[in-house]
Amino acid sequence: MSKVRNGGGGNPGVAMRIGGVCPGGDGFAPSALGTREHWDAVYERELHTFQEYGDTGEIWFGEESMNRLIRWMQKYKIPLDASVLDIGTGNGVFLVELDLNFSKNCQHPSSALEADPETV
């Protein structure tokens, strides 16, 4: 059994393994969430679900959060030609809602663009 000691520049919250393999230089194990392959597969699954069942998928940060932001944009009269950068917020449902609420054309990057060009 490996011993565990505190490490990380005196930070007691960071544990490092002794006598075992440290998963990464920073003490954290690599995660599939950090790979493009993972997210390409997620978009592919969501596209298939949308095409097969018409389901836009999970609203990753909650419908109320999405609606609150849209209400804020409406309240402060954000111009229809304002640029909106949607990075890391999930499957693009927020952009669909923006399009429905503001009749604005939206663009998705790379595989997300391939995933749902007809949706927005």
PDB file of N, CA and C in Angstrom:
ATOM      1  N   MET A   1       0.844  -1.168   0.000  1.00  0.00           N
ATOM      2  CA  MET A   1       0.000   0.000   0.000  1.00  0.00           C
ATOM      3  C   MET A   1       0.892   1.234   0.000  1.00  0.00           C
ATOM      4  N   SER A   2       0.564   2.218  -0.838  1.00  0.00           N
ATOM      5  CA  SER A   2       1.352   3.440  -0.941  1.00  0.00           C
ATOM      6  C   SER A   2       1.071   4.366   0.224  1.00  0.00           C
ATOM      7  N   LYS A   3       2.121   5.081   0.615  1.00  0.00           N
ATOM      8  CA  LYS A   3       1.951   6.120   1.622  1.00  0.00           C
ATOM      9  C   LYS A   3       1.549   7.400   0.908  1.00  0.00           C
ATOM     10  N   VAL A   4       0.833   8.251   1.620  1.00  0.00           N
ATOM     11  CA  VAL A   4       0.451   9.535   1.046  1.00  0.00           C
ATOM     12  C   VAL A   4       1.026  10.623   1.922  1.00  0.00           C
ATOM     13  N   ARG A   5       1.652  11.621   1.310  1.00  0.00           N
ATOM     14  CA  ARG A   5       2.164  12.761   2.063  1.00  0.00           C
ATOM     15  C   ARG A   5       1.667  14.038   1.403  1.00  0.00           C
ATOM     16  N   ASN A   6       1.663  15.096   2.190  1.00  0.00           N
ATOM     17  CA  ASN A   6       1.267  16.389   1.637  1.00  0.00           C
ATOM     18  C   ASN A   6       2.377  16.910   0.743  1.00  0.00           C
ATOM     19  N   GLY A   7       1.996  17.613  -0.266  1.00  0.00           N
ATOM     20  CA  GLY A   7       2.969  18.187  -1.183  1.00  0.00           C
ATOM     21  C   GLY A   7       2.375  19.397  -1.854  1.00  0.00           C
ATOM     22  N   GLY A   8       2.965  19.786  -2.941  1.00  0.00           N
ATOM     23  CA  GLY A   8       2.426  20.897  -3.700  1.00  0.00           C
ATOM     24  C   GLY A   8       2.768  22.246  -3.103  1.00  0.00           C
ATOM     25  N   GLY A   9       4.033  22.483  -2.801  1.00  0.00           N
ATOM     26  CA  GLY A   9       4.449  23.791  -2.317  1.00  0.00           C
ATOM     27  C   GLY A   9       3.921  24.138  -0.946  1.00  0.00           C
ATOM     28  N   GLY A  10       3.777  23.155  -0.077  1.00  0.00           N
ATOM     29  CA  GLY A  10       3.297  23.433   1.263  1.00  0.00           C
ATOM     30  C   GLY A  10       1.791  23.465   1.378  1.00  0.00           C
ATOM     31  N   ASN A  11       1.104  23.219   0.300  1.00  0.00           N
ATOM     32  CA  ASN A  11      -0.360  23.220   0.323  1.00  0.00           C
ATOM     33  C   ASN A  11      -0.841  21.892   0.871  1.00  0.00           C
ATOM     34  N   PRO A  12      -1.434  21.878   2.073  1.00  0.00           N
ATOM     35  CA  PRO A  12      -1.851  20.611   2.673  1.00  0.00           C
ATOM     36  C   PRO A  12      -3.000  19.948   1.927  1.00  0.00           C
ATOM     37  N   GLY A  13      -3.643  20.663   1.005  1.00  0.00           N
ATOM     38  CA  GLY A  13      -4.763  20.080   0.267  1.00  0.00           C
ATOM     39  C   GLY A  13      -4.326  19.229  -0.908  1.00  0.00           C
ATOM     40  N   VAL A  14      -3.042  19.257  -1.231  1.00  0.00           N
ATOM     41  CA  VAL A  14      -2.548  18.504  -2.377  1.00  0.00           C
ATOM     42  C   VAL A  14      -1.804  17.280  -1.866  1.00  0.00           C
ATOM     43  N   ALA A  15      -2.223  16.103  -2.279  1.00  0.00           N
ATOM     44  CA  ALA A  15      -1.565  14.866  -1.842  1.00  0.00           C
ATOM     45  C   ALA A  15      -0.771  14.274  -2.998  1.00  0.00           C
ATOM     46  N   MET A  16       0.398  13.736  -2.680  1.00  0.00           N
ATOM     47  CA  MET A  16       1.221  13.080  -3.686  1.00  0.00           C
ATOM     48  C   MET A  16       1.500  11.663  -3.215  1.00  0.00           C
ATOM     49  N   ARG A  17       1.595  10.736  -4.160  1.00  0.00           N
ATOM     50  CA  ARG A  17       1.860   9.350  -3.809  1.00  0.00           C
ATOM     51  C   ARG A  17       3.365   9.120  -3.659  1.00  0.00           C
ATOM     52  N   ILE A  18       3.716   8.306  -2.684  1.00  0.00           N
ATOM     53  CA  ILE A  18       5.097   7.882  -2.498  1.00  0.00           C
ATOM     54  C   ILE A  18       5.125   6.381  -2.748  1.00  0.00           C
ATOM     55  N   GLY A  19       6.060   5.942  -3.550  1.00  0.00           N
ATOM     56  CA  GLY A  19       6.181   4.521  -3.831  1.00  0.00           C
ATOM     57  C   GLY A  19       5.206   4.068  -4.907  1.00  0.00           C
ATOM     58  N   GLY A  20       4.537   4.970  -5.539  1.00  0.00           N
ATOM     59  CA  GLY A  20       3.625   4.648  -6.631  1.00  0.00           C
ATOM     60  C   GLY A  20       3.867   5.620  -7.763  1.00  0.00           C
ATOM     61  N   VAL A  21       3.114   5.490  -8.781  1.00  0.00           N
ATOM     62  CA  VAL A  21       3.276   6.380  -9.922  1.00  0.00           C
ATOM     63  C   VAL A  21       2.357   7.576  -9.745  1.00  0.00           C
ATOM     64  N   CYS A  22       2.926   8.758  -9.798  1.00  0.00           N
ATOM     65  CA  CYS A  22       2.124   9.976  -9.761  1.00  0.00           C
ATOM     66  C   CYS A  22       1.465  10.108 -11.129  1.00  0.00           C
ATOM     67  N   PRO A  23       0.137  10.211 -11.195  1.00  0.00           N
ATOM     68  CA  PRO A  23      -0.576  10.190 -12.467  1.00  0.00           C
ATOM     69  C   PRO A  23      -0.163  11.294 -13.427  1.00  0.00           C
ATOM     70  N   GLY A  24       0.130  12.456 -12.936  1.00  0.00           N
ATOM     71  CA  GLY A  24       0.540  13.568 -13.778  1.00  0.00           C
ATOM     72  C   GLY A  24       1.541  14.399 -13.010  1.00  0.00           C
ATOM     73  N   GLY A  25       2.232  15.284 -13.684  1.00  0.00           N
ATOM     74  CA  GLY A  25       3.213  16.117 -13.022  1.00  0.00           C
ATOM     75  C   GLY A  25       2.605  16.984 -11.939  1.00  0.00           C
ATOM     76  N   ASP A  26       1.321  17.275 -12.055  1.00  0.00           N
ATOM     77  CA  ASP A  26       0.658  18.118 -11.066  1.00  0.00           C
ATOM     78  C   ASP A  26      -0.079  17.302 -10.011  1.00  0.00           C
ATOM     79  N   GLY A  27       0.006  15.979 -10.080  1.00  0.00           N
ATOM     80  CA  GLY A  27      -0.648  15.126  -9.097  1.00  0.00           C
ATOM     81  C   GLY A  27      -2.059  14.718  -9.467  1.00  0.00           C
ATOM     82  N   PHE A  28      -2.551  15.200 -10.598  1.00  0.00           N
ATOM     83  CA  PHE A  28      -3.905  14.848 -11.023  1.00  0.00           C
ATOM     84  C   PHE A  28      -3.849  13.835 -12.154  1.00  0.00           C
ATOM     85  N   ALA A  29      -4.760  12.872 -12.107  1.00  0.00           N
ATOM     86  CA  ALA A  29      -4.840  11.874 -13.163  1.00  0.00           C
ATOM     87  C   ALA A  29      -5.382  12.519 -14.435  1.00  0.00           C
ATOM     88  N   PRO A  30      -4.865  12.118 -15.602  1.00  0.00           N
ATOM     89  CA  PRO A  30      -5.407  12.630 -16.859  1.00  0.00           C
ATOM     90  C   PRO A  30      -6.897  12.290 -16.964  1.00  0.00           C
ATOM     91  N   SER A  31      -7.645  13.161 -17.589  1.00  0.00           N
ATOM     92  CA  SER A  31      -9.088  12.976 -17.710  1.00  0.00           C
ATOM     93  C   SER A  31      -9.498  13.009 -19.169  1.00  0.00           C
ATOM     94  N   ALA A  32     -10.449  12.166 -19.515  1.00  0.00           N
ATOM     95  CA  ALA A  32     -10.995  12.168 -20.875  1.00  0.00           C
ATOM     96  C   ALA A  32     -11.647  13.502 -21.194  1.00  0.00           C
ATOM     97  N   LEU A  33     -12.103  14.218 -20.165  1.00  0.00           N
ATOM     98  CA  LEU A  33     -12.763  15.507 -20.389  1.00  0.00           C
ATOM     99  C   LEU A  33     -11.829  16.519 -21.034  1.00  0.00           C
ATOM    100  N   GLY A  34     -10.538  16.279 -20.944  1.00  0.00           N
ATOM    101  CA  GLY A  34      -9.571  17.199 -21.519  1.00  0.00           C
ATOM    102  C   GLY A  34      -9.163  16.851 -22.934  1.00  0.00           C
ATOM    103  N   THR A  35      -9.823  15.898 -23.547  1.00  0.00           N
ATOM    104  CA  THR A  35      -9.430  15.491 -24.892  1.00  0.00           C
ATOM    105  C   THR A  35     -10.466  15.893 -25.931  1.00  0.00           C
ATOM    106  N   ARG A  36      -9.977  16.226 -27.093  1.00  0.00           N
ATOM    107  CA  ARG A  36     -10.870  16.561 -28.205  1.00  0.00           C
ATOM    108  C   ARG A  36     -11.706  15.343 -28.600  1.00  0.00           C
ATOM    109  N   GLU A  37     -11.104  14.159 -28.525  1.00  0.00           N
ATOM    110  CA  GLU A  37     -11.820  12.939 -28.896  1.00  0.00           C
ATOM    111  C   GLU A  37     -13.076  12.760 -28.050  1.00  0.00           C
ATOM    112  N   HIS A  38     -12.957  13.035 -26.757  1.00  0.00           N
ATOM    113  CA  HIS A  38     -14.108  12.904 -25.866  1.00  0.00           C
ATOM    114  C   HIS A  38     -15.233  13.825 -26.320  1.00  0.00           C
ATOM    115  N   TRP A  39     -14.902  15.100 -26.551  1.00  0.00           N
ATOM    116  CA  TRP A  39     -15.944  16.072 -26.886  1.00  0.00           C
ATOM    117  C   TRP A  39     -16.490  15.856 -28.286  1.00  0.00           C
ATOM    118  N   ASP A  40     -15.654  15.376 -29.221  1.00  0.00           N
ATOM    119  CA  ASP A  40     -16.180  15.015 -30.543  1.00  0.00           C
ATOM    120  C   ASP A  40     -17.209  13.898 -30.408  1.00  0.00           C
ATOM    121  N   ALA A  41     -16.926  12.911 -29.543  1.00  0.00           N
ATOM    122  CA  ALA A  41     -17.873  11.811 -29.321  1.00  0.00           C
ATOM    123  C   ALA A  41     -19.153  12.314 -28.662  1.00  0.00           C
ATOM    124  N   VAL A  42     -19.026  13.258 -27.727  1.00  0.00           N
ATOM    125  CA  VAL A  42     -20.211  13.831 -27.075  1.00  0.00           C
ATOM    126  C   VAL A  42     -21.083  14.525 -28.104  1.00  0.00           C
ATOM    127  N   TYR A  43     -20.479  15.370 -28.951  1.00  0.00           N
ATOM    128  CA  TYR A  43     -21.255  16.071 -29.977  1.00  0.00           C
ATOM    129  C   TYR A  43     -21.890  15.089 -30.957  1.00  0.00           C
ATOM    130  N   GLU A  44     -21.150  14.050 -31.320  1.00  0.00           N
ATOM    131  CA  GLU A  44     -21.686  13.042 -32.246  1.00  0.00           C
ATOM    132  C   GLU A  44     -22.906  12.347 -31.646  1.00  0.00           C
ATOM    133  N   ARG A  45     -22.815  11.976 -30.362  1.00  0.00           N
ATOM    134  CA  ARG A  45     -23.954  11.352 -29.675  1.00  0.00           C
ATOM    135  C   ARG A  45     -25.151  12.291 -29.626  1.00  0.00           C
ATOM    136  N   GLU A  46     -24.892  13.544 -29.287  1.00  0.00           N
ATOM    137  CA  GLU A  46     -25.982  14.512 -29.185  1.00  0.00           C
ATOM    138  C   GLU A  46     -26.606  14.777 -30.548  1.00  0.00           C
ATOM    139  N   LEU A  47     -25.790  14.827 -31.598  1.00  0.00           N
ATOM    140  CA  LEU A  47     -26.323  15.004 -32.948  1.00  0.00           C
ATOM    141  C   LEU A  47     -27.223  13.836 -33.314  1.00  0.00           C
ATOM    142  N   HIS A  48     -26.758  12.617 -33.042  1.00  0.00           N
ATOM    143  CA  HIS A  48     -27.562  11.429 -33.345  1.00  0.00           C
ATOM    144  C   HIS A  48     -28.890  11.472 -32.587  1.00  0.00           C
ATOM    145  N   THR A  49     -28.838  11.816 -31.317  1.00  0.00           N
ATOM    146  CA  THR A  49     -30.060  11.905 -30.509  1.00  0.00           C
ATOM    147  C   THR A  49     -31.000  12.958 -31.072  1.00  0.00           C
ATOM    148  N   PHE A  50     -30.444  14.103 -31.474  1.00  0.00           N
ATOM    149  CA  PHE A  50     -31.279  15.165 -32.034  1.00  0.00           C
ATOM    150  C   PHE A  50     -31.911  14.719 -33.349  1.00  0.00           C
ATOM    151  N   GLN A  51     -31.108  14.114 -34.231  1.00  0.00           N
ATOM    152  CA  GLN A  51     -31.628  13.674 -35.528  1.00  0.00           C
ATOM    153  C   GLN A  51     -32.658  12.562 -35.371  1.00  0.00           C
ATOM    154  N   GLU A  52     -32.418  11.662 -34.444  1.00  0.00           N
ATOM    155  CA  GLU A  52     -33.302  10.513 -34.253  1.00  0.00           C
ATOM    156  C   GLU A  52     -34.592  10.883 -33.529  1.00  0.00           C
ATOM    157  N   TYR A  53     -34.492  11.713 -32.494  1.00  0.00           N
ATOM    158  CA  TYR A  53     -35.647  11.957 -31.628  1.00  0.00           C
ATOM    159  C   TYR A  53     -36.076  13.423 -31.534  1.00  0.00           C
ATOM    160  N   GLY A  54     -35.296  14.339 -32.115  1.00  0.00           N
ATOM    161  CA  GLY A  54     -35.628  15.752 -32.019  1.00  0.00           C
ATOM    162  C   GLY A  54     -35.332  16.348 -30.657  1.00  0.00           C
ATOM    163  N   ASP A  55     -34.593  15.626 -29.838  1.00  0.00           N
ATOM    164  CA  ASP A  55     -34.260  16.082 -28.487  1.00  0.00           C
ATOM    165  C   ASP A  55     -32.958  16.875 -28.540  1.00  0.00           C
ATOM    166  N   THR A  56     -32.989  18.133 -28.090  1.00  0.00           N
ATOM    167  CA  THR A  56     -31.788  18.968 -28.126  1.00  0.00           C
ATOM    168  C   THR A  56     -30.777  18.587 -27.061  1.00  0.00           C
ATOM    169  N   GLY A  57     -31.123  17.699 -26.173  1.00  0.00           N
ATOM    170  CA  GLY A  57     -30.168  17.233 -25.177  1.00  0.00           C
ATOM    171  C   GLY A  57     -30.234  18.020 -23.890  1.00  0.00           C
ATOM    172  N   GLU A  58     -29.244  17.766 -23.076  1.00  0.00           N
ATOM    173  CA  GLU A  58     -29.192  18.341 -21.733  1.00  0.00           C
ATOM    174  C   GLU A  58     -28.805  19.813 -21.778  1.00  0.00           C
ATOM    175  N   ILE A  59     -29.466  20.621 -20.967  1.00  0.00           N
ATOM    176  CA  ILE A  59     -29.057  22.008 -20.776  1.00  0.00           C
ATOM    177  C   ILE A  59     -28.047  21.966 -19.642  1.00  0.00           C
ATOM    178  N   TRP A  60     -26.780  22.050 -19.974  1.00  0.00           N
ATOM    179  CA  TRP A  60     -25.706  21.726 -19.050  1.00  0.00           C
ATOM    180  C   TRP A  60     -25.667  22.597 -17.814  1.00  0.00           C
ATOM    181  N   PHE A  61     -26.047  23.843 -17.923  1.00  0.00           N
ATOM    182  CA  PHE A  61     -25.961  24.737 -16.770  1.00  0.00           C
ATOM    183  C   PHE A  61     -27.332  25.099 -16.235  1.00  0.00           C
ATOM    184  N   GLY A  62     -28.348  24.362 -16.634  1.00  0.00           N
ATOM    185  CA  GLY A  62     -29.691  24.565 -16.120  1.00  0.00           C
ATOM    186  C   GLY A  62     -30.493  25.549 -16.946  1.00  0.00           C
ATOM    187  N   GLU A  63     -31.741  25.216 -17.142  1.00  0.00           N
ATOM    188  CA  GLU A  63     -32.620  26.055 -17.946  1.00  0.00           C
ATOM    189  C   GLU A  63     -32.794  27.435 -17.318  1.00  0.00           C
ATOM    190  N   GLU A  64     -32.888  27.496 -15.996  1.00  0.00           N
ATOM    191  CA  GLU A  64     -33.075  28.795 -15.341  1.00  0.00           C
ATOM    192  C   GLU A  64     -31.873  29.706 -15.573  1.00  0.00           C
ATOM    193  N   SER A  65     -30.664  29.169 -15.534  1.00  0.00           N
ATOM    194  CA  SER A  65     -29.471  29.984 -15.798  1.00  0.00           C
ATOM    195  C   SER A  65     -29.504  30.531 -17.216  1.00  0.00           C
ATOM    196  N   MET A  66     -29.875  29.691 -18.146  1.00  0.00           N
ATOM    197  CA  MET A  66     -29.955  30.105 -19.539  1.00  0.00           C
ATOM    198  C   MET A  66     -31.018  31.191 -19.715  1.00  0.00           C
ATOM    199  N   ASN A  67     -32.189  30.973 -19.145  1.00  0.00           N
ATOM    200  CA  ASN A  67     -33.273  31.950 -19.264  1.00  0.00           C
ATOM    201  C   ASN A  67     -32.936  33.263 -18.568  1.00  0.00           C
ATOM    202  N   ARG A  68     -32.233  33.187 -17.435  1.00  0.00           N
ATOM    203  CA  ARG A  68     -31.840  34.397 -16.717  1.00  0.00           C
ATOM    204  C   ARG A  68     -30.906  35.247 -17.570  1.00  0.00           C
ATOM    205  N   LEU A  69     -29.977  34.614 -18.265  1.00  0.00           N
ATOM    206  CA  LEU A  69     -29.064  35.351 -19.128  1.00  0.00           C
ATOM    207  C   LEU A  69     -29.808  35.972 -20.309  1.00  0.00           C
ATOM    208  N   ILE A  70     -30.746  35.248 -20.876  1.00  0.00           N
ATOM    209  CA  ILE A  70     -31.536  35.794 -21.986  1.00  0.00           C
ATOM    210  C   ILE A  70     -32.367  36.985 -21.509  1.00  0.00           C
ATOM    211  N   ARG A  71     -32.972  36.874 -20.329  1.00  0.00           N
ATOM    212  CA  ARG A  71     -33.739  38.012 -19.782  1.00  0.00           C
ATOM    213  C   ARG A  71     -32.825  39.219 -19.559  1.00  0.00           C
ATOM    214  N   TRP A  72     -31.612  38.976 -19.056  1.00  0.00           N
ATOM    215  CA  TRP A  72     -30.659  40.061 -18.855  1.00  0.00           C
ATOM    216  C   TRP A  72     -30.343  40.744 -20.184  1.00  0.00           C
ATOM    217  N   MET A  73     -30.116  39.950 -21.225  1.00  0.00           N
ATOM    218  CA  MET A  73     -29.811  40.509 -22.542  1.00  0.00           C
ATOM    219  C   MET A  73     -30.980  41.337 -23.067  1.00  0.00           C
ATOM    220  N   GLN A  74     -32.195  40.865 -22.838  1.00  0.00           N
ATOM    221  CA  GLN A  74     -33.373  41.608 -23.274  1.00  0.00           C
ATOM    222  C   GLN A  74     -33.534  42.893 -22.465  1.00  0.00           C
ATOM    223  N   LYS A  75     -33.344  42.812 -21.160  1.00  0.00           N
ATOM    224  CA  LYS A  75     -33.505  43.973 -20.281  1.00  0.00           C
ATOM    225  C   LYS A  75     -32.540  45.094 -20.662  1.00  0.00           C
ATOM    226  N   TYR A  76     -31.303  44.733 -20.936  1.00  0.00           N
ATOM    227  CA  TYR A  76     -30.294  45.731 -21.267  1.00  0.00           C
ATOM    228  C   TYR A  76     -30.185  45.983 -22.768  1.00  0.00           C
ATOM    229  N   LYS A  77     -31.163  45.472 -23.516  1.00  0.00           N
ATOM    230  CA  LYS A  77     -31.277  45.735 -24.949  1.00  0.00           C
ATOM    231  C   LYS A  77     -29.952  45.510 -25.690  1.00  0.00           C
ATOM    232  N   ILE A  78     -29.404  44.330 -25.480  1.00  0.00           N
ATOM    233  CA  ILE A  78     -28.183  43.964 -26.191  1.00  0.00           C
ATOM    234  C   ILE A  78     -28.510  43.985 -27.685  1.00  0.00           C
ATOM    235  N   PRO A  79     -27.723  44.699 -28.497  1.00  0.00           N
ATOM    236  CA  PRO A  79     -28.042  44.817 -29.926  1.00  0.00           C
ATOM    237  C   PRO A  79     -28.099  43.455 -30.618  1.00  0.00           C
ATOM    238  N   LEU A  80     -28.984  43.348 -31.597  1.00  0.00           N
ATOM    239  CA  LEU A  80     -29.127  42.086 -32.322  1.00  0.00           C
ATOM    240  C   LEU A  80     -27.859  41.710 -33.074  1.00  0.00           C
ATOM    241  N   ASP A  81     -27.035  42.698 -33.408  1.00  0.00           N
ATOM    242  CA  ASP A  81     -25.806  42.387 -34.130  1.00  0.00           C
ATOM    243  C   ASP A  81     -24.596  42.233 -33.194  1.00  0.00           C
ATOM    244  N   ALA A  82     -24.848  42.149 -31.891  1.00  0.00           N
ATOM    245  CA  ALA A  82     -23.755  41.954 -30.931  1.00  0.00           C
ATOM    246  C   ALA A  82     -23.127  40.579 -31.132  1.00  0.00           C
ATOM    247  N   SER A  83     -21.835  40.507 -30.957  1.00  0.00           N
ATOM    248  CA  SER A  83     -21.138  39.223 -31.043  1.00  0.00           C
ATOM    249  C   SER A  83     -21.323  38.466 -29.742  1.00  0.00           C
ATOM    250  N   VAL A  84     -21.587  37.169 -29.857  1.00  0.00           N
ATOM    251  CA  VAL A  84     -21.724  36.304 -28.690  1.00  0.00           C
ATOM    252  C   VAL A  84     -20.768  35.138 -28.880  1.00  0.00           C
ATOM    253  N   LEU A  85     -19.884  34.952 -27.921  1.00  0.00           N
ATOM    254  CA  LEU A  85     -18.936  33.852 -27.963  1.00  0.00           C
ATOM    255  C   LEU A  85     -19.379  32.812 -26.946  1.00  0.00           C
ATOM    256  N   ASP A  86     -19.745  31.651 -27.426  1.00  0.00           N
ATOM    257  CA  ASP A  86     -20.265  30.577 -26.580  1.00  0.00           C
ATOM    258  C   ASP A  86     -19.215  29.471 -26.524  1.00  0.00           C
ATOM    259  N   ILE A  87     -18.410  29.484 -25.476  1.00  0.00           N
ATOM    260  CA  ILE A  87     -17.327  28.499 -25.349  1.00  0.00           C
ATOM    261  C   ILE A  87     -17.544  27.673 -24.097  1.00  0.00           C
ATOM    262  N   GLY A  88     -17.516  26.370 -24.255  1.00  0.00           N
ATOM    263  CA  GLY A  88     -17.530  25.485 -23.099  1.00  0.00           C
ATOM    264  C   GLY A  88     -18.832  25.448 -22.339  1.00  0.00           C
ATOM    265  N   THR A  89     -19.924  25.778 -23.002  1.00  0.00           N
ATOM    266  CA  THR A  89     -21.203  25.779 -22.297  1.00  0.00           C
ATOM    267  C   THR A  89     -22.071  24.599 -22.685  1.00  0.00           C
ATOM    268  N   GLY A  90     -21.491  23.629 -23.362  1.00  0.00           N
ATOM    269  CA  GLY A  90     -22.260  22.425 -23.640  1.00  0.00           C
ATOM    270  C   GLY A  90     -22.528  22.209 -25.107  1.00  0.00           C
ATOM    271  N   ASN A  91     -23.747  21.786 -25.391  1.00  0.00           N
ATOM    272  CA  ASN A  91     -24.094  21.310 -26.724  1.00  0.00           C
ATOM    273  C   ASN A  91     -24.663  22.370 -27.654  1.00  0.00           C
ATOM    274  N   GLY A  92     -24.668  23.613 -27.268  1.00  0.00           N
ATOM    275  CA  GLY A  92     -25.149  24.672 -28.138  1.00  0.00           C
ATOM    276  C   GLY A  92     -26.602  25.044 -27.952  1.00  0.00           C
ATOM    277  N   VAL A  93     -27.281  24.466 -26.975  1.00  0.00           N
ATOM    278  CA  VAL A  93     -28.695  24.774 -26.743  1.00  0.00           C
ATOM    279  C   VAL A  93     -28.869  26.258 -26.430  1.00  0.00           C
ATOM    280  N   PHE A  94     -27.907  26.852 -25.731  1.00  0.00           N
ATOM    281  CA  PHE A  94     -28.002  28.280 -25.425  1.00  0.00           C
ATOM    282  C   PHE A  94     -28.045  29.105 -26.709  1.00  0.00           C
ATOM    283  N   LEU A  95     -27.225  28.734 -27.703  1.00  0.00           N
ATOM    284  CA  LEU A  95     -27.235  29.460 -28.971  1.00  0.00           C
ATOM    285  C   LEU A  95     -28.562  29.287 -29.697  1.00  0.00           C
ATOM    286  N   VAL A  96     -29.149  28.113 -29.588  1.00  0.00           N
ATOM    287  CA  VAL A  96     -30.469  27.888 -30.189  1.00  0.00           C
ATOM    288  C   VAL A  96     -31.480  28.819 -29.541  1.00  0.00           C
ATOM    289  N   GLU A  97     -31.450  28.915 -28.217  1.00  0.00           N
ATOM    290  CA  GLU A  97     -32.377  29.799 -27.507  1.00  0.00           C
ATOM    291  C   GLU A  97     -32.140  31.261 -27.860  1.00  0.00           C
ATOM    292  N   LEU A  98     -30.880  31.650 -28.019  1.00  0.00           N
ATOM    293  CA  LEU A  98     -30.601  33.019 -28.456  1.00  0.00           C
ATOM    294  C   LEU A  98     -31.206  33.271 -29.826  1.00  0.00           C
ATOM    295  N   ASP A  99     -31.037  32.310 -30.712  1.00  0.00           N
ATOM    296  CA  ASP A  99     -31.590  32.451 -32.059  1.00  0.00           C
ATOM    297  C   ASP A  99     -33.110  32.579 -32.002  1.00  0.00           C
ATOM    298  N   LEU A 100     -33.752  31.762 -31.178  1.00  0.00           N
ATOM    299  CA  LEU A 100     -35.212  31.822 -31.064  1.00  0.00           C
ATOM    300  C   LEU A 100     -35.673  33.137 -30.447  1.00  0.00           C
ATOM    301  N   ASN A 101     -34.911  33.659 -29.488  1.00  0.00           N
ATOM    302  CA  ASN A 101     -35.306  34.875 -28.787  1.00  0.00           C
ATOM    303  C   ASN A 101     -34.883  36.157 -29.491  1.00  0.00           C
ATOM    304  N   PHE A 102     -33.840  36.096 -30.288  1.00  0.00           N
ATOM    305  CA  PHE A 102     -33.318  37.313 -30.908  1.00  0.00           C
ATOM    306  C   PHE A 102     -33.268  37.234 -32.428  1.00  0.00           C
ATOM    307  N   SER A 103     -33.658  36.102 -33.017  1.00  0.00           N
ATOM    308  CA  SER A 103     -33.607  35.909 -34.473  1.00  0.00           C
ATOM    309  C   SER A 103     -32.242  36.294 -35.032  1.00  0.00           C
ATOM    310  N   LYS A 104     -31.210  35.824 -34.374  1.00  0.00           N
ATOM    311  CA  LYS A 104     -29.840  36.130 -34.780  1.00  0.00           C
ATOM    312  C   LYS A 104     -29.185  34.873 -35.324  1.00  0.00           C
ATOM    313  N   ASN A 105     -28.396  35.029 -36.368  1.00  0.00           N
ATOM    314  CA  ASN A 105     -27.639  33.900 -36.884  1.00  0.00           C
ATOM    315  C   ASN A 105     -26.502  33.590 -35.930  1.00  0.00           C
ATOM    316  N   CYS A 106     -26.280  32.321 -35.675  1.00  0.00           N
ATOM    317  CA  CYS A 106     -25.222  31.879 -34.772  1.00  0.00           C
ATOM    318  C   CYS A 106     -24.273  30.978 -35.535  1.00  0.00           C
ATOM    319  N   GLN A 107     -23.038  30.971 -35.122  1.00  0.00           N
ATOM    320  CA  GLN A 107     -22.047  30.099 -35.731  1.00  0.00           C
ATOM    321  C   GLN A 107     -21.407  29.243 -34.651  1.00  0.00           C
ATOM    322  N   HIS A 108     -21.182  27.991 -34.985  1.00  0.00           N
ATOM    323  CA  HIS A 108     -20.511  27.053 -34.075  1.00  0.00           C
ATOM    324  C   HIS A 108     -19.128  26.746 -34.627  1.00  0.00           C
ATOM    325  N   PRO A 109     -18.160  26.467 -33.769  1.00  0.00           N
ATOM    326  CA  PRO A 109     -16.843  26.065 -34.245  1.00  0.00           C
ATOM    327  C   PRO A 109     -16.783  24.583 -34.595  1.00  0.00           C
ATOM    328  N   SER A 110     -15.875  24.225 -35.447  1.00  0.00           N
ATOM    329  CA  SER A 110     -15.472  22.863 -35.812  1.00  0.00           C
ATOM    330  C   SER A 110     -16.572  21.818 -35.752  1.00  0.00           C
ATOM    331  N   SER A 111     -16.408  20.814 -34.881  1.00  0.00           N
ATOM    332  CA  SER A 111     -17.347  19.689 -34.864  1.00  0.00           C
ATOM    333  C   SER A 111     -18.732  20.104 -34.405  1.00  0.00           C
ATOM    334  N   ALA A 112     -18.839  21.146 -33.598  1.00  0.00           N
ATOM    335  CA  ALA A 112     -20.162  21.614 -33.184  1.00  0.00           C
ATOM    336  C   ALA A 112     -20.904  22.171 -34.385  1.00  0.00           C
ATOM    337  N   LEU A 113     -20.191  22.818 -35.314  1.00  0.00           N
ATOM    338  CA  LEU A 113     -20.811  23.326 -36.528  1.00  0.00           C
ATOM    339  C   LEU A 113     -21.353  22.163 -37.346  1.00  0.00           C
ATOM    340  N   GLU A 114     -20.585  21.106 -37.428  1.00  0.00           N
ATOM    341  CA  GLU A 114     -21.035  19.927 -38.144  1.00  0.00           C
ATOM    342  C   GLU A 114     -22.189  19.248 -37.418  1.00  0.00           C
ATOM    343  N   ALA A 115     -22.246  19.411 -36.109  1.00  0.00           N
ATOM    344  CA  ALA A 115     -23.230  18.686 -35.314  1.00  0.00           C
ATOM    345  C   ALA A 115     -24.646  19.186 -35.509  1.00  0.00           C
ATOM    346  N   ASP A 116     -24.843  20.486 -35.630  1.00  0.00           N
ATOM    347  CA  ASP A 116     -26.224  20.954 -35.691  1.00  0.00           C
ATOM    348  C   ASP A 116     -26.417  22.230 -36.504  1.00  0.00           C
ATOM    349  N   PRO A 117     -25.962  22.272 -37.761  1.00  0.00           N
ATOM    350  CA  PRO A 117     -26.135  23.492 -38.548  1.00  0.00           C
ATOM    351  C   PRO A 117     -27.596  23.817 -38.832  1.00  0.00           C
ATOM    352  N   GLU A 118     -28.471  22.833 -38.863  1.00  0.00           N
ATOM    353  CA  GLU A 118     -29.881  23.080 -39.146  1.00  0.00           C
ATOM    354  C   GLU A 118     -30.634  23.553 -37.914  1.00  0.00           C
ATOM    355  N   THR A 119     -30.044  23.377 -36.744  1.00  0.00           N
ATOM    356  CA  THR A 119     -30.721  23.746 -35.509  1.00  0.00           C
ATOM    357  C   THR A 119     -30.737  25.249 -35.321  1.00  0.00           C
ATOM    358  N   VAL A 120     -29.651  25.916 -35.714  1.00  0.00           N
ATOM    359  CA  VAL A 120     -29.581  27.374 -35.520  1.00  0.00           C
ATOM    360  C   VAL A 120     -29.720  28.121 -36.810  1.00  0.00           C
TER     361      VAL A 120
END
